[in-house]
Protein backbone atom coordinates (compact mmCIF):
# COMPACT_ATOMS: atom_id res chain seq x y z
CA MET A 1 70.99 -2.25 -20.81
CA THR A 2 72.78 -4.48 -18.71
CA ASN A 3 72.82 -7.21 -15.95
CA GLU A 4 72.99 -4.33 -13.48
CA ASN A 5 70.10 -3.54 -10.63
CA GLU A 6 68.14 -6.86 -11.11
CA GLY A 7 66.42 -6.52 -8.45
CA THR A 8 66.82 -7.71 -4.93
CA ALA A 9 65.55 -11.68 -5.83
CA ALA A 10 65.91 -13.97 -8.53
CA ALA A 11 63.07 -13.21 -11.61
CA PRO A 12 59.49 -14.62 -10.35
CA LEU A 13 57.80 -17.04 -12.95
CA ASP A 14 54.76 -15.69 -12.66
CA ILE A 15 55.37 -12.01 -14.78
CA LEU A 16 52.82 -9.68 -15.79
CA PRO A 17 53.23 -8.29 -19.45
CA ARG A 18 52.32 -4.46 -19.60
CA ARG A 19 51.98 -1.48 -22.01
CA CYS A 20 52.17 1.87 -21.16
CA PRO A 21 50.14 2.66 -18.19
CA ALA A 22 49.04 6.12 -19.12
CA CYS A 23 48.22 5.74 -22.95
CA HIS A 24 48.25 1.92 -23.51
CA ALA A 25 50.57 1.99 -25.93
CA ALA A 26 52.43 -1.20 -26.74
CA PRO A 27 55.74 -1.30 -25.08
CA GLU A 28 57.61 -1.30 -28.75
CA ALA A 29 55.93 2.21 -29.81
CA GLY A 30 58.88 3.76 -26.64
CA ARG A 31 62.40 3.82 -26.51
CA LEU A 32 63.91 1.01 -24.45
CA MET A 33 66.11 3.16 -21.46
CA ARG A 34 69.41 1.90 -19.68
CA PHE A 35 68.46 2.51 -16.39
CA GLY A 36 66.42 -1.10 -16.75
CA SER A 37 67.84 -4.57 -16.99
CA THR A 38 67.64 -7.87 -18.78
CA ALA A 39 65.01 -9.14 -16.75
CA TRP A 40 63.55 -5.93 -15.97
CA PRO A 41 63.07 -3.69 -19.08
CA MET A 42 62.46 -0.01 -19.08
CA ARG A 43 60.90 2.01 -21.51
CA GLN A 44 59.64 5.63 -22.24
CA CYS A 45 56.81 5.66 -24.19
CA VAL A 46 56.01 8.57 -26.76
CA CYS A 47 53.60 9.73 -24.35
CA GLY A 48 56.53 10.44 -22.11
CA PHE A 49 56.05 8.05 -19.55
CA THR A 50 58.83 5.39 -18.07
CA TYR A 51 57.82 2.31 -16.86
CA LEU A 52 59.03 -1.31 -16.47
CA GLU A 53 57.31 -3.31 -19.54
CA LYS A 54 57.20 -6.44 -17.51
CA ALA A 55 56.07 -6.95 -13.69
CA PRO A 56 55.77 -9.46 -11.12
CA ALA A 57 52.29 -10.98 -10.91
CA TYR A 58 50.57 -9.23 -7.30
CA ALA A 59 50.72 -13.34 -5.64
CA GLU A 60 54.51 -12.27 -5.72
CA LEU A 61 54.38 -9.44 -4.12
CA SER A 62 52.84 -10.81 -0.73
CA SER A 63 55.42 -13.03 -0.53
CA ASN A 64 58.56 -13.80 -2.33
CA LEU A 65 58.84 -9.94 -3.15
CA ALA A 66 57.01 -8.44 0.06
CA TRP A 67 58.36 -5.04 0.48
CA GLU A 68 59.93 -6.02 3.98
CA LYS A 69 61.69 -9.19 3.09
CA THR A 70 63.42 -7.10 -0.20
CA PHE A 71 64.34 -3.82 1.80
CA LYS A 72 67.21 -5.02 3.60
CA GLN A 73 68.37 -6.80 0.48
CA GLU A 74 68.23 -3.49 -1.51
CA GLY A 75 70.26 -1.76 0.57
CA GLU A 76 73.28 -3.97 0.68
CA ARG A 77 72.48 -4.26 -3.08
CA ARG A 78 73.21 -0.50 -3.78
CA LEU A 79 75.78 -0.43 -1.15
CA ARG A 80 77.66 -2.87 -2.94
CA GLU A 81 77.30 -1.54 -6.63
CA HIS A 82 77.44 1.59 -5.65
CA ARG A 83 79.58 2.47 -2.29
CA VAL A 84 80.91 5.47 -3.16
CA SER A 85 77.78 7.02 -4.15
CA GLN A 86 75.58 5.65 -1.03
CA LYS A 87 78.05 6.69 1.07
CA LEU A 88 78.44 10.63 -0.29
CA SER A 89 74.11 10.40 -0.63
CA LYS A 90 73.86 9.08 3.33
CA GLY A 91 76.89 11.66 4.39
CA THR A 92 74.82 14.49 3.49
CA ARG A 93 71.81 13.64 4.20
CA TRP A 94 71.20 17.43 6.07
CA ARG A 95 69.89 18.28 2.85
CA MET A 96 67.02 16.95 3.76
CA LYS A 97 66.52 19.06 6.46
CA LEU A 98 67.27 22.43 4.81
CA PHE A 99 63.27 22.41 4.44
CA LYS A 100 60.17 21.35 6.64
CA ARG A 101 59.19 17.62 5.03
CA LEU A 102 55.47 16.62 4.24
CA ASP A 103 53.71 14.59 7.09
CA MET A 104 51.03 12.51 5.79
CA PRO A 105 48.60 12.12 8.74
CA ALA A 106 48.81 15.92 8.90
CA LEU A 107 47.61 16.92 5.84
CA ILE A 108 44.86 14.13 5.70
CA ALA A 109 44.09 15.73 9.51
CA ALA A 110 43.79 19.09 7.78
CA SER A 111 41.69 18.44 4.87
CA CYS A 112 38.82 16.33 6.81
CA THR A 113 37.99 16.06 10.93
CA SER A 114 35.60 13.12 10.35
CA GLY A 115 34.70 10.44 7.83
CA ASP A 116 36.40 6.82 6.96
CA VAL A 117 40.26 7.61 5.39
CA LEU A 118 41.59 4.73 3.21
CA ASP A 119 45.77 4.22 3.33
CA ILE A 120 46.41 2.05 -0.01
CA GLY A 121 50.03 0.44 0.93
CA CYS A 122 49.55 0.71 5.15
CA SER A 123 52.20 -1.56 5.52
CA THR A 124 51.58 -1.58 9.63
CA GLY A 125 49.04 1.12 9.65
CA GLY A 126 51.31 3.30 11.76
CA HIS A 127 50.57 6.17 9.84
CA LEU A 128 46.60 6.33 9.90
CA MET A 129 46.76 5.38 13.65
CA LYS A 130 48.52 9.32 13.76
CA LEU A 131 44.93 10.60 12.81
CA PRO A 132 42.57 12.49 15.22
CA ASP A 133 39.62 10.69 16.74
CA GLY A 134 36.75 11.15 14.49
CA ILE A 135 38.25 9.45 11.14
CA HIS A 136 37.82 5.91 10.98
CA PRO A 137 40.84 4.84 9.07
CA PHE A 138 40.59 1.98 7.07
CA GLY A 139 44.07 0.59 4.96
CA ILE A 140 44.93 -2.37 2.07
CA GLU A 141 48.10 -3.87 1.83
CA ILE A 142 49.50 -6.45 -0.25
CA SER A 143 51.34 -8.02 2.58
CA GLN A 144 49.86 -10.89 4.42
CA ALA A 145 52.46 -9.80 7.28
CA LEU A 146 51.72 -6.72 7.24
CA GLY A 147 48.70 -6.80 6.27
CA GLU A 148 47.75 -8.84 9.36
CA ALA A 149 49.48 -6.47 11.69
CA ALA A 150 47.43 -3.38 10.28
CA ALA A 151 44.17 -5.09 10.80
CA ALA A 152 45.14 -5.61 14.14
CA ALA A 153 46.12 -1.90 15.17
CA LEU A 154 43.73 -0.50 12.94
CA ALA A 155 40.47 -2.23 14.78
CA GLN A 156 41.43 -0.28 18.03
CA ARG A 157 39.73 2.89 16.10
CA GLY A 158 37.05 1.43 14.22
CA GLY A 159 38.75 0.36 11.10
CA THR A 160 40.59 -2.66 9.75
CA ALA A 161 43.05 -3.38 7.20
CA TYR A 162 41.98 -4.83 3.65
CA ILE A 163 44.75 -7.51 2.25
CA GLY A 164 45.40 -8.03 -1.47
CA PRO A 165 45.97 -6.63 -4.72
CA ALA A 166 44.47 -2.54 -4.30
CA LEU A 167 42.79 -2.74 -7.65
CA ASP A 168 41.07 -5.76 -6.39
CA THR A 169 39.95 -4.05 -3.29
CA MET A 170 38.97 -1.22 -4.21
CA GLN A 171 37.00 -2.53 -6.62
CA LYS A 172 34.63 -3.86 -4.39
CA LEU A 173 34.06 -0.60 -2.22
CA GLU A 174 31.19 2.00 -2.05
CA THR A 175 31.38 4.75 -4.54
CA ASP A 176 31.45 8.07 -2.33
CA ARG A 177 32.44 6.58 0.53
CA PHE A 178 35.72 7.83 1.18
CA SER A 179 36.84 11.59 2.84
CA ALA A 180 40.34 11.35 1.87
CA ILE A 181 42.29 8.58 -0.14
CA SER A 182 46.60 8.16 1.33
CA MET A 183 48.78 7.25 -1.36
CA ARG A 184 52.13 7.08 -0.18
CA SER A 185 55.27 5.62 -1.98
CA TYR A 186 52.51 3.41 -3.35
CA LEU A 187 51.53 4.45 -7.03
CA GLU A 188 55.34 3.82 -8.15
CA HIS A 189 54.61 0.00 -6.83
CA GLU A 190 50.94 -0.36 -8.47
CA ALA A 191 51.17 -2.67 -12.17
CA TYR A 192 47.77 -1.12 -13.13
CA PRO A 193 47.89 3.21 -11.85
CA ASP A 194 45.42 4.31 -14.64
CA ARG A 195 43.12 1.87 -13.35
CA VAL A 196 43.72 2.62 -9.51
CA LEU A 197 43.42 6.40 -10.26
CA GLU A 198 39.90 5.57 -11.99
CA GLU A 199 38.64 3.57 -8.83
CA ALA A 200 40.07 6.19 -6.50
CA PHE A 201 38.52 8.47 -7.99
CA ARG A 202 35.03 6.50 -7.76
CA ILE A 203 35.26 5.50 -4.08
CA LEU A 204 36.11 8.96 -3.37
CA LYS A 205 33.09 11.74 -1.92
CA PRO A 206 32.93 14.24 -4.05
CA GLY A 207 35.09 16.93 -2.24
CA GLY A 208 37.83 14.67 -1.14
CA ILE A 209 41.32 14.52 -1.83
CA VAL A 210 44.14 11.65 -2.49
CA PHE A 211 47.34 12.62 -1.04
CA VAL A 212 50.09 11.43 -3.37
CA LYS A 213 54.06 11.27 -2.51
CA VAL A 214 56.16 9.04 -5.19
CA PRO A 215 59.50 9.11 -6.67
CA ASN A 216 60.05 11.73 -8.96
CA TYR A 217 61.54 10.95 -12.06
CA GLY A 218 62.38 14.63 -12.91
CA SER A 219 64.40 15.13 -10.12
CA ILE A 220 67.79 16.88 -9.99
CA ASN A 221 69.25 14.18 -8.06
CA ARG A 222 68.12 11.70 -10.56
CA MET A 223 69.93 13.54 -13.66
CA VAL A 224 73.25 13.71 -11.56
CA ARG A 225 73.09 9.98 -9.73
CA GLY A 226 72.01 7.74 -12.94
CA ARG A 227 71.89 4.36 -12.26
CA ALA A 228 72.93 5.12 -8.76
CA TRP A 229 69.63 7.28 -7.84
CA CYS A 230 67.21 5.60 -4.76
CA GLY A 231 64.19 5.97 -6.86
CA PHE A 232 65.66 2.99 -8.91
CA ARG A 233 64.22 -0.32 -7.21
CA LEU A 234 63.92 -2.97 -9.71
CA PRO A 235 61.31 -4.95 -9.99
CA ASP A 236 59.26 -3.41 -7.71
CA HIS A 237 59.11 0.24 -8.94
CA LEU A 238 57.44 -0.23 -11.98
CA ASN A 239 56.29 3.28 -12.54
CA TYR A 240 58.65 6.33 -13.05
CA PHE A 241 56.65 9.62 -12.45
CA THR A 242 57.76 13.15 -13.43
CA PRO A 243 55.23 16.15 -12.20
CA ASP A 244 54.10 16.44 -15.88
CA THR A 245 53.44 12.68 -17.04
CA LEU A 246 51.79 12.47 -13.03
CA THR A 247 49.45 15.41 -13.34
CA ARG A 248 48.28 14.18 -17.11
CA LEU A 249 47.37 10.48 -15.53
CA ALA A 250 45.54 11.87 -12.60
CA ALA A 251 44.12 14.55 -14.98
CA SER A 252 42.67 12.08 -17.10
CA LYS A 253 40.89 9.97 -14.68
CA GLY A 254 38.55 13.11 -13.59
CA PHE A 255 41.00 14.52 -11.07
CA THR A 256 41.65 18.37 -10.19
CA VAL A 257 45.01 18.55 -9.99
CA GLU A 258 46.60 20.75 -6.87
CA LYS A 259 50.23 21.04 -6.41
CA PRO A 260 51.45 22.61 -2.79
CA PHE A 261 54.07 24.21 -2.13
CA MET A 262 56.27 21.42 -1.53
CA TRP A 263 55.43 19.51 -4.80
CA ARG A 264 58.85 19.38 -6.11
CA LEU A 265 62.07 20.24 -3.97
CA PRO A 266 65.53 20.53 -5.98
CA THR A 267 66.71 18.50 -2.58
CA SER A 268 64.50 15.99 -2.38
CA ASP A 269 64.04 12.72 -4.45
CA ASN A 270 60.63 12.75 -4.03
CA MET A 271 57.72 14.27 -4.80
CA TRP A 272 53.90 15.55 -3.81
CA VAL A 273 50.32 16.32 -5.38
CA ARG A 274 46.99 16.54 -4.29
CA LEU A 275 44.45 14.84 -5.69
CA ILE A 276 40.48 16.73 -5.68
CA LYS A 277 37.22 15.27 -6.84
CA LYS A 278 35.35 18.44 -7.12
CA PRO A 279 31.61 18.31 -6.47
CA VAL A 280 29.08 18.11 -9.37
CA ALA A 281 27.54 21.74 -9.84
CA THR A 282 23.90 21.05 -9.65
CA ALA A 283 21.20 22.91 -11.63
CA ALA A 284 19.85 25.26 -8.87
CA ALA A 285 23.67 26.18 -8.02
CA ALA A 286 24.48 26.79 -12.01
């Protein structure tokens, strides 16, 4: 483990120690991975889940380490430290056009035509604004600036954005409320992904769907590029999912896991999955 990939800002003073989010084993039960850093150690648990054993406190992510502040800095760091591989990756981005890319608003619109929909990590609300009429868009955003922009936009559609940590906000929402939930490029940032999935199951209507997109730690590109892989982003990428570890975690919270055609492509660094809350069979139906 080296000091490389220290992150895009100095280590925040307020840091949360973490156990494995999947099985809750202590960090010492797993092995230290070379993709972490001195400030942000990465572990692979005995259960197979890979994660950072420390996380910035939520308050840091809402201000000092807010995504809109660190995105440009992260791009500059990658170009500085991995100039050749970064230029090669950008020069071959045509590979991403070999297959049709999935679109979160289209996936949601295909699964429901009415009701409330929740986008966790909604940024400025742009994806929600693309949903058809009849769907009421709601979002959760930890960044104060992005959340305010989203709230103003979604108000035009009868919705709003809740500003704050996702888990705290979800715990205040009604049971069986949402027809669909979007987690696009969010779950890898969440310090408590297991608890968030528990809450998602609770607030989702029976028959509802959660759409998840995360970086695929098991991708071929990660194995080839090693430390230069685009999915490594310290310290705000806290969880490194593979298809197997994500499936096991979601299933342990009650979801039925469906893997669509675009679940994982050899040309992509990301993966998608549908998590379904199956309706409980009634005595009459049984």
